[in-house]
């Protein structure tokens, strides 16, 4: 009986949360992404907190390598609190071939089959491919990536404005630290 009462209390809250997610405007992507220019190494500048990166302390990167079959190999790497490196490999597929801005990524493979595809939509991209903003239609995941480890204040202000326009709260994004590899813990020097 107690569980039933808790369920009755929880249902209105759950319905409110689902309604709030459904009321979001459709997420808009950039008009066009040149995948060849997009490939390569990106440094994570900031991200929305998520469970699969909870052990990432610093030096988070994403590398995209084009494959002959039209898909993209994804290699995500970060430094843990203890200084060890965490690496995750995935495969990405382009789901919107007109814009190349909507991708799906799978980090799970079983018997050579990729499972559990997640959205990876490019919602902001610098004209010179210096930085990119990635999101998901639910707005539960989001990343700011750049070719360098730092963004200048003007770029970051533009990105924060773009995030707000797309239904994100930029204040929820956590900054990613990048340090010189091999520096003693007490004498870390942040990369510039």
Protein backbone atom coordinates (compact mmCIF):
# COMPACT_ATOMS: atom_id res chain seq x y z
CA UNK A 1 0.00 0.00 0.00
CA UNK A 2 2.87 2.38 0.83
CA UNK A 3 4.46 1.79 -2.57
CA UNK A 4 1.15 2.56 -4.24
CA UNK A 5 0.98 5.94 -2.45
CA UNK A 6 4.53 6.74 -3.49
CA UNK A 7 3.66 5.85 -7.05
CA UNK A 8 0.65 8.19 -6.94
CA UNK A 9 2.89 10.99 -5.69
CA UNK A 10 5.57 10.27 -8.29
CA UNK A 11 3.29 9.96 -11.35
CA UNK A 12 2.38 13.67 -11.60
CA UNK A 13 6.06 14.58 -11.38
CA UNK A 14 6.97 12.03 -14.06
CA UNK A 15 4.19 13.31 -16.30
CA UNK A 16 5.42 16.89 -15.82
CA UNK A 17 8.99 15.89 -16.76
CA UNK A 18 7.84 14.02 -19.86
CA UNK A 19 5.63 16.95 -20.88
CA UNK A 20 8.55 19.38 -20.42
CA UNK A 21 10.77 17.25 -22.67
CA UNK A 22 8.04 16.96 -25.32
CA UNK A 23 7.49 20.74 -25.26
CA UNK A 24 11.06 21.45 -26.40
CA UNK A 25 11.31 22.83 -29.92
CA UNK A 26 12.90 20.40 -32.38
CA UNK A 27 16.69 20.64 -32.21
CA UNK A 28 18.13 22.39 -35.25
CA UNK A 29 21.45 21.33 -36.71
CA UNK A 30 23.88 23.26 -38.88
CA UNK A 31 23.11 23.29 -42.60
CA UNK A 32 26.18 21.38 -43.75
CA UNK A 33 29.21 19.56 -42.33
CA UNK A 34 32.18 18.62 -44.49
CA UNK A 35 33.05 15.31 -42.87
CA UNK A 36 36.61 15.35 -44.23
CA UNK A 37 37.24 18.68 -42.45
CA UNK A 38 35.44 17.47 -39.35
CA UNK A 39 37.67 14.40 -39.01
CA UNK A 40 40.68 14.57 -36.74
CA UNK A 41 41.38 15.44 -33.12
CA UNK A 42 39.09 17.64 -31.00
CA UNK A 43 39.62 18.76 -27.40
CA UNK A 44 36.64 18.79 -25.09
CA UNK A 45 36.14 22.32 -23.76
CA UNK A 46 33.01 21.63 -21.70
CA UNK A 47 30.18 19.12 -21.39
CA UNK A 48 26.94 18.47 -19.65
CA UNK A 49 27.61 16.03 -16.81
CA UNK A 50 26.87 12.46 -17.85
CA UNK A 51 27.32 9.03 -16.30
CA UNK A 52 29.68 7.61 -18.90
CA UNK A 53 32.25 10.39 -18.37
CA UNK A 54 32.00 10.51 -14.59
CA UNK A 55 35.55 9.14 -14.22
CA UNK A 56 37.06 11.70 -16.62
CA UNK A 57 39.07 14.24 -14.68
CA UNK A 58 40.97 16.10 -17.44
CA UNK A 59 42.52 15.96 -20.93
CA UNK A 60 39.37 14.74 -22.65
CA UNK A 61 39.64 14.38 -26.42
CA UNK A 62 37.63 12.92 -29.28
CA UNK A 63 39.24 11.72 -32.49
CA UNK A 64 37.25 10.94 -35.62
CA UNK A 65 38.74 8.78 -38.39
CA UNK A 66 36.95 8.28 -41.69
CA UNK A 67 36.43 4.70 -42.84
CA UNK A 68 36.18 3.31 -46.36
CA UNK A 69 32.60 2.12 -45.69
CA UNK A 70 31.36 5.68 -45.02
CA UNK A 71 31.26 5.29 -41.27
CA UNK A 72 33.55 7.00 -38.75
CA UNK A 73 35.77 5.46 -36.08
CA UNK A 74 35.50 7.38 -32.81
CA UNK A 75 38.23 7.29 -30.16
CA UNK A 76 37.37 9.14 -26.95
CA UNK A 77 40.10 9.53 -24.35
CA UNK A 78 40.44 11.19 -20.97
CA UNK A 79 42.66 11.25 -17.92
CA UNK A 80 41.28 9.79 -14.70
CA UNK A 81 41.87 11.25 -11.23
CA UNK A 82 44.65 8.70 -10.60
CA UNK A 83 46.48 9.84 -13.76
CA UNK A 84 45.64 6.77 -15.83
CA UNK A 85 44.08 7.09 -19.27
CA UNK A 86 40.57 5.95 -20.08
CA UNK A 87 39.83 5.22 -23.73
CA UNK A 88 36.55 4.29 -25.38
CA UNK A 89 36.20 3.27 -29.02
CA UNK A 90 33.00 3.60 -30.99
CA UNK A 91 31.64 3.78 -34.49
CA UNK A 92 29.51 6.59 -35.91
CA UNK A 93 27.13 6.60 -38.85
CA UNK A 94 25.69 9.58 -40.68
CA UNK A 95 21.88 9.51 -40.59
CA UNK A 96 21.26 12.73 -42.52
CA UNK A 97 23.35 12.48 -45.70
CA UNK A 98 22.19 15.87 -47.01
CA UNK A 99 23.68 17.87 -44.15
CA UNK A 100 26.02 15.31 -42.52
CA UNK A 101 25.04 17.07 -39.26
CA UNK A 102 23.03 14.23 -37.71
CA UNK A 103 25.04 11.25 -36.64
CA UNK A 104 24.50 8.30 -34.36
CA UNK A 105 27.25 6.71 -32.29
CA UNK A 106 27.51 3.23 -30.81
CA UNK A 107 30.04 2.25 -28.14
CA UNK A 108 28.65 -1.29 -27.80
CA UNK A 109 29.57 -4.11 -30.17
CA UNK A 110 28.49 -7.70 -29.87
CA UNK A 111 29.59 -10.34 -32.38
CA UNK A 112 30.62 -7.56 -34.76
CA UNK A 113 27.25 -5.81 -34.58
CA UNK A 114 26.97 -2.27 -33.22
CA UNK A 115 24.18 -1.88 -30.67
CA UNK A 116 22.50 0.98 -28.80
CA UNK A 117 22.97 3.92 -31.16
CA UNK A 118 22.86 7.38 -29.58
CA UNK A 119 22.19 10.71 -31.26
CA UNK A 120 25.11 13.04 -31.96
CA UNK A 121 23.82 16.20 -33.66
CA UNK A 122 26.06 19.06 -34.72
CA UNK A 123 24.18 22.21 -33.71
CA UNK A 124 27.02 24.73 -34.00
CA UNK A 125 30.15 24.75 -36.13
CA UNK A 126 32.71 27.48 -36.66
CA UNK A 127 33.21 28.36 -40.35
CA UNK A 128 36.88 27.41 -40.05
CA UNK A 129 36.11 24.24 -38.04
CA UNK A 130 37.86 25.67 -34.96
CA UNK A 131 35.04 24.63 -32.63
CA UNK A 132 31.85 22.59 -32.68
CA UNK A 133 28.78 22.29 -30.45
CA UNK A 134 27.15 18.87 -30.26
CA UNK A 135 23.79 18.04 -28.74
CA UNK A 136 20.91 15.59 -28.62
CA UNK A 137 17.20 16.19 -29.23
CA UNK A 138 16.45 15.55 -25.53
CA UNK A 139 19.01 18.21 -24.47
CA UNK A 140 20.30 15.72 -21.86
CA UNK A 141 23.74 15.49 -23.50
CA UNK A 142 25.91 18.24 -24.90
CA UNK A 143 29.54 18.96 -25.69
CA UNK A 144 31.69 21.87 -26.75
CA UNK A 145 34.78 20.73 -28.67
CA UNK A 146 37.63 22.71 -30.22
CA UNK A 147 40.82 22.13 -32.19
CA UNK A 148 42.79 23.88 -29.42
CA UNK A 149 42.54 23.35 -25.66
CA UNK A 150 41.15 26.85 -25.04
CA UNK A 151 38.54 29.09 -26.62
CA UNK A 152 38.71 32.86 -26.47
CA UNK A 153 36.01 34.75 -24.57
CA UNK A 154 34.26 35.91 -27.76
CA UNK A 155 33.92 32.38 -29.11
CA UNK A 156 32.65 31.12 -25.78
CA UNK A 157 30.07 33.93 -25.55
CA UNK A 158 28.83 33.02 -29.05
CA UNK A 159 28.61 29.35 -28.08
CA UNK A 160 26.71 30.13 -24.87
CA UNK A 161 24.23 32.21 -26.86
CA UNK A 162 23.82 29.38 -29.37
CA UNK A 163 23.23 26.88 -26.55
CA UNK A 164 20.48 29.09 -25.11
CA UNK A 165 18.85 29.42 -28.54
CA UNK A 166 18.78 25.61 -28.77
CA UNK A 167 17.16 25.10 -25.36
CA UNK A 168 20.29 24.39 -23.31
CA UNK A 169 21.41 26.13 -20.13
CA UNK A 170 25.12 27.00 -20.68
CA UNK A 171 25.63 27.28 -16.90
CA UNK A 172 25.09 23.52 -16.59
CA UNK A 173 28.13 22.75 -18.75
CA UNK A 174 31.23 21.79 -16.76
CA UNK A 175 34.64 22.97 -17.98
CA UNK A 176 37.26 20.41 -18.97
CA UNK A 177 40.82 20.92 -17.72
CA UNK A 178 43.78 20.10 -19.95
CA UNK A 179 47.21 19.57 -18.38
CA UNK A 180 50.69 18.84 -19.67
CA UNK A 181 51.10 15.05 -19.66
CA UNK A 182 53.62 13.71 -17.19
CA UNK A 183 53.72 16.82 -14.97
CA UNK A 184 53.83 15.96 -11.26
CA UNK A 185 50.40 16.19 -9.64
CA UNK A 186 51.44 19.08 -7.37
CA UNK A 187 53.06 21.00 -10.24
CA UNK A 188 50.51 20.64 -13.01
CA UNK A 189 50.68 23.28 -15.67
CA UNK A 190 47.52 23.94 -17.55
CA UNK A 191 47.93 23.96 -21.32
CA UNK A 192 47.39 27.32 -23.00
